[in-house]
């Protein structure tokens, strides 16, 4: 499990779970609040979006879903599962 957001802040929830070469991206949120937090929204994730096998969204708030369009621009092409 790799924490890509929401560590040290309550926004920008993003996690990567890798199991036997299968990459699950859990939540894909935007950072909100202070300018220095919002600037994190323009940084690429530390792995190719095209390598993600599926996305799981825990719920529909912007801090859990708002980064998805950026991932698509970076090459995301996989199923997205929502609860």
N, C-alpha and C. Protein backbone atom coordinates (compact mmCIF):
# COMPACT_ATOMS: atom_id res chain seq x y z
N UNK A 1 0.86 -1.17 0.00
CA UNK A 1 0.00 0.00 0.00
C UNK A 1 0.90 1.22 0.00
N UNK A 2 0.65 2.10 -0.95
CA UNK A 2 1.41 3.34 -1.06
C UNK A 2 0.43 4.50 -0.84
N UNK A 3 0.75 5.39 0.09
CA UNK A 3 -0.08 6.54 0.40
C UNK A 3 0.36 7.71 -0.47
N UNK A 4 -0.54 8.19 -1.33
CA UNK A 4 -0.22 9.26 -2.27
C UNK A 4 -0.88 10.57 -1.90
N UNK A 5 -1.70 10.57 -0.89
CA UNK A 5 -2.40 11.76 -0.43
C UNK A 5 -3.08 11.47 0.89
N UNK A 6 -3.68 12.51 1.47
CA UNK A 6 -4.40 12.40 2.74
C UNK A 6 -3.50 11.91 3.87
N UNK A 7 -2.22 12.10 3.75
CA UNK A 7 -1.29 11.80 4.84
C UNK A 7 -0.79 13.15 5.35
N UNK A 8 -1.15 13.50 6.55
CA UNK A 8 -0.80 14.80 7.10
C UNK A 8 -1.83 15.88 6.78
N UNK A 9 -2.86 15.52 6.05
CA UNK A 9 -3.98 16.41 5.72
C UNK A 9 -5.21 15.55 5.48
N UNK A 10 -6.37 16.16 5.47
CA UNK A 10 -7.59 15.37 5.30
C UNK A 10 -8.10 15.38 3.86
N UNK A 11 -7.39 16.01 2.93
CA UNK A 11 -7.84 16.04 1.54
C UNK A 11 -6.85 15.32 0.65
N UNK A 12 -7.25 15.11 -0.60
CA UNK A 12 -6.35 14.48 -1.57
C UNK A 12 -6.19 12.99 -1.38
N UNK A 13 -7.25 12.31 -1.00
CA UNK A 13 -7.16 10.86 -0.75
C UNK A 13 -6.75 10.11 -2.02
N UNK A 14 -5.63 9.43 -1.96
CA UNK A 14 -5.12 8.62 -3.07
C UNK A 14 -4.24 7.52 -2.48
N UNK A 15 -4.51 6.28 -2.89
CA UNK A 15 -3.72 5.15 -2.42
C UNK A 15 -3.48 4.21 -3.59
N UNK A 16 -2.36 3.53 -3.58
CA UNK A 16 -2.09 2.50 -4.57
C UNK A 16 -1.82 1.20 -3.84
N UNK A 17 -2.59 0.19 -4.19
CA UNK A 17 -2.43 -1.15 -3.62
C UNK A 17 -1.95 -2.06 -4.75
N UNK A 18 -0.77 -2.63 -4.58
CA UNK A 18 -0.21 -3.54 -5.58
C UNK A 18 -0.19 -4.95 -5.01
N UNK A 19 -0.84 -5.86 -5.72
CA UNK A 19 -0.90 -7.26 -5.30
C UNK A 19 -0.52 -8.13 -6.49
N UNK A 20 0.60 -8.81 -6.39
CA UNK A 20 1.05 -9.71 -7.46
C UNK A 20 1.01 -9.05 -8.84
N UNK A 21 1.48 -7.82 -8.93
CA UNK A 21 1.53 -7.11 -10.20
C UNK A 21 0.23 -6.47 -10.64
N UNK A 22 -0.82 -6.58 -9.84
CA UNK A 22 -2.12 -5.96 -10.14
C UNK A 22 -2.20 -4.67 -9.33
N UNK A 23 -2.43 -3.55 -10.00
CA UNK A 23 -2.40 -2.23 -9.36
C UNK A 23 -3.80 -1.66 -9.19
N UNK A 24 -4.22 -1.50 -7.95
CA UNK A 24 -5.53 -0.96 -7.61
C UNK A 24 -5.33 0.44 -7.04
N UNK A 25 -5.96 1.40 -7.67
CA UNK A 25 -5.89 2.80 -7.21
C UNK A 25 -7.16 3.06 -6.40
N UNK A 26 -7.01 3.29 -5.11
CA UNK A 26 -8.15 3.51 -4.23
C UNK A 26 -8.28 5.01 -3.98
N UNK A 27 -9.41 5.55 -4.39
CA UNK A 27 -9.69 6.99 -4.34
C UNK A 27 -8.70 7.76 -5.20
N UNK A 28 -9.15 8.89 -5.66
CA UNK A 28 -8.35 9.71 -6.56
C UNK A 28 -8.75 11.17 -6.35
N UNK A 29 -8.43 11.67 -5.16
CA UNK A 29 -8.96 12.96 -4.75
C UNK A 29 -8.04 14.14 -5.00
N UNK A 30 -8.67 15.30 -5.04
CA UNK A 30 -7.95 16.57 -5.12
C UNK A 30 -7.62 17.07 -3.73
N UNK A 31 -6.49 17.74 -3.62
CA UNK A 31 -6.17 18.46 -2.39
C UNK A 31 -6.96 19.75 -2.38
N UNK A 32 -7.45 20.14 -1.22
CA UNK A 32 -8.21 21.37 -1.07
C UNK A 32 -7.65 22.16 0.10
N UNK A 33 -7.96 23.46 0.11
CA UNK A 33 -7.54 24.29 1.23
C UNK A 33 -6.44 25.25 0.86
N UNK A 34 -5.36 25.22 1.62
CA UNK A 34 -4.25 26.15 1.44
C UNK A 34 -3.62 26.01 0.05
N UNK A 35 -3.06 27.12 -0.44
CA UNK A 35 -2.45 27.14 -1.78
C UNK A 35 -1.41 26.04 -1.95
N UNK A 36 -0.57 25.83 -0.94
CA UNK A 36 0.47 24.80 -1.07
C UNK A 36 -0.12 23.40 -1.18
N UNK A 37 -1.30 23.18 -0.61
CA UNK A 37 -1.98 21.90 -0.80
C UNK A 37 -2.53 21.78 -2.21
N UNK A 38 -3.19 22.83 -2.69
CA UNK A 38 -3.78 22.81 -4.03
C UNK A 38 -2.72 22.62 -5.11
N UNK A 39 -1.51 23.12 -4.89
CA UNK A 39 -0.44 22.97 -5.88
C UNK A 39 -0.07 21.50 -6.08
N UNK A 40 -0.32 20.67 -5.09
CA UNK A 40 -0.04 19.23 -5.22
C UNK A 40 -0.92 18.58 -6.28
N UNK A 41 -2.05 19.20 -6.59
CA UNK A 41 -2.97 18.64 -7.59
C UNK A 41 -2.36 18.59 -8.99
N UNK A 42 -1.33 19.36 -9.25
CA UNK A 42 -0.73 19.41 -10.58
C UNK A 42 0.50 18.53 -10.72
N UNK A 43 0.85 17.83 -9.65
CA UNK A 43 1.98 16.91 -9.71
C UNK A 43 1.50 15.55 -10.22
N UNK A 44 2.29 14.94 -11.09
CA UNK A 44 1.96 13.60 -11.57
C UNK A 44 2.10 12.60 -10.43
N UNK A 45 1.34 11.52 -10.53
CA UNK A 45 1.49 10.44 -9.56
C UNK A 45 2.82 9.74 -9.85
N UNK A 46 3.40 9.06 -8.86
CA UNK A 46 4.75 8.49 -9.03
C UNK A 46 4.79 7.15 -9.77
N UNK A 47 3.84 6.90 -10.66
CA UNK A 47 3.82 5.69 -11.49
C UNK A 47 2.96 6.01 -12.70
N UNK A 48 3.14 5.30 -13.81
CA UNK A 48 2.34 5.60 -15.00
C UNK A 48 0.86 5.26 -14.78
N UNK A 49 -0.02 6.19 -15.10
CA UNK A 49 -1.46 5.95 -14.95
C UNK A 49 -1.91 4.76 -15.79
N UNK A 50 -1.23 4.52 -16.89
CA UNK A 50 -1.59 3.40 -17.77
C UNK A 50 -1.34 2.04 -17.11
N UNK A 51 -0.59 2.01 -16.04
CA UNK A 51 -0.30 0.75 -15.33
C UNK A 51 -1.37 0.41 -14.28
N UNK A 52 -2.32 1.32 -14.05
CA UNK A 52 -3.38 1.06 -13.07
C UNK A 52 -4.38 0.09 -13.69
N UNK A 53 -4.71 -0.98 -12.98
CA UNK A 53 -5.63 -2.00 -13.49
C UNK A 53 -7.08 -1.70 -13.16
N UNK A 54 -7.34 -1.01 -12.06
CA UNK A 54 -8.70 -0.57 -11.73
C UNK A 54 -8.64 0.52 -10.67
N UNK A 55 -9.72 1.29 -10.61
CA UNK A 55 -9.87 2.34 -9.60
C UNK A 55 -11.09 2.01 -8.77
N UNK A 56 -10.97 2.15 -7.46
CA UNK A 56 -12.09 1.99 -6.54
C UNK A 56 -12.30 3.32 -5.83
N UNK A 57 -13.51 3.86 -5.93
CA UNK A 57 -13.85 5.11 -5.25
C UNK A 57 -14.72 4.79 -4.05
N UNK A 58 -14.33 5.28 -2.89
CA UNK A 58 -15.09 4.98 -1.67
C UNK A 58 -16.36 5.80 -1.56
N UNK A 59 -16.34 7.03 -2.10
CA UNK A 59 -17.54 7.86 -2.17
C UNK A 59 -17.27 9.05 -3.08
N UNK A 60 -18.32 9.84 -3.37
CA UNK A 60 -18.25 10.81 -4.44
C UNK A 60 -17.76 12.21 -4.12
N UNK A 61 -17.16 12.44 -2.98
CA UNK A 61 -16.66 13.78 -2.67
C UNK A 61 -15.44 14.12 -3.51
N UNK A 62 -15.27 15.42 -3.80
CA UNK A 62 -14.18 15.90 -4.64
C UNK A 62 -12.80 15.49 -4.12
N UNK A 63 -12.64 15.44 -2.81
CA UNK A 63 -11.34 15.06 -2.25
C UNK A 63 -11.09 13.55 -2.34
N UNK A 64 -12.02 12.82 -2.98
CA UNK A 64 -11.85 11.38 -3.23
C UNK A 64 -11.97 11.04 -4.72
N UNK A 65 -12.49 11.97 -5.54
CA UNK A 65 -12.73 11.68 -6.96
C UNK A 65 -12.16 12.71 -7.93
N UNK A 66 -11.83 13.89 -7.46
CA UNK A 66 -11.51 15.01 -8.34
C UNK A 66 -10.27 14.87 -9.19
N UNK A 67 -9.36 13.95 -8.86
CA UNK A 67 -8.13 13.78 -9.63
C UNK A 67 -8.32 12.85 -10.84
N UNK A 68 -9.48 12.18 -10.93
CA UNK A 68 -9.70 11.23 -12.03
C UNK A 68 -9.50 11.84 -13.42
N UNK A 69 -10.04 13.04 -13.72
CA UNK A 69 -9.79 13.60 -15.06
C UNK A 69 -8.30 13.78 -15.37
N UNK A 70 -7.52 14.13 -14.37
CA UNK A 70 -6.07 14.26 -14.59
C UNK A 70 -5.44 12.91 -14.89
N UNK A 71 -5.90 11.86 -14.20
CA UNK A 71 -5.39 10.51 -14.48
C UNK A 71 -5.72 10.07 -15.90
N UNK A 72 -6.93 10.39 -16.35
CA UNK A 72 -7.31 10.05 -17.72
C UNK A 72 -6.39 10.77 -18.70
N UNK A 73 -6.09 12.03 -18.44
CA UNK A 73 -5.15 12.77 -19.30
C UNK A 73 -3.76 12.16 -19.28
N UNK A 74 -3.42 11.47 -18.19
CA UNK A 74 -2.11 10.83 -18.06
C UNK A 74 -2.11 9.40 -18.60
N UNK A 75 -3.25 8.93 -19.14
CA UNK A 75 -3.28 7.61 -19.76
C UNK A 75 -4.10 6.55 -19.04
N UNK A 76 -4.86 6.92 -18.03
CA UNK A 76 -5.71 5.94 -17.33
C UNK A 76 -6.74 5.37 -18.28
N UNK A 77 -6.82 4.04 -18.35
CA UNK A 77 -7.80 3.36 -19.20
C UNK A 77 -8.15 2.03 -18.54
N UNK A 78 -9.01 2.09 -17.53
CA UNK A 78 -9.36 0.89 -16.78
C UNK A 78 -10.74 1.07 -16.17
N UNK A 79 -11.31 -0.01 -15.63
CA UNK A 79 -12.61 0.12 -14.96
C UNK A 79 -12.50 0.98 -13.70
N UNK A 80 -13.59 1.72 -13.41
CA UNK A 80 -13.70 2.50 -12.19
C UNK A 80 -14.91 1.97 -11.44
N UNK A 81 -14.69 1.50 -10.21
CA UNK A 81 -15.76 0.94 -9.39
C UNK A 81 -16.10 1.93 -8.28
N UNK A 82 -17.39 2.14 -8.08
CA UNK A 82 -17.86 3.10 -7.08
C UNK A 82 -18.75 2.40 -6.07
N UNK A 83 -18.69 2.86 -4.84
CA UNK A 83 -19.58 2.31 -3.82
C UNK A 83 -20.80 3.19 -3.67
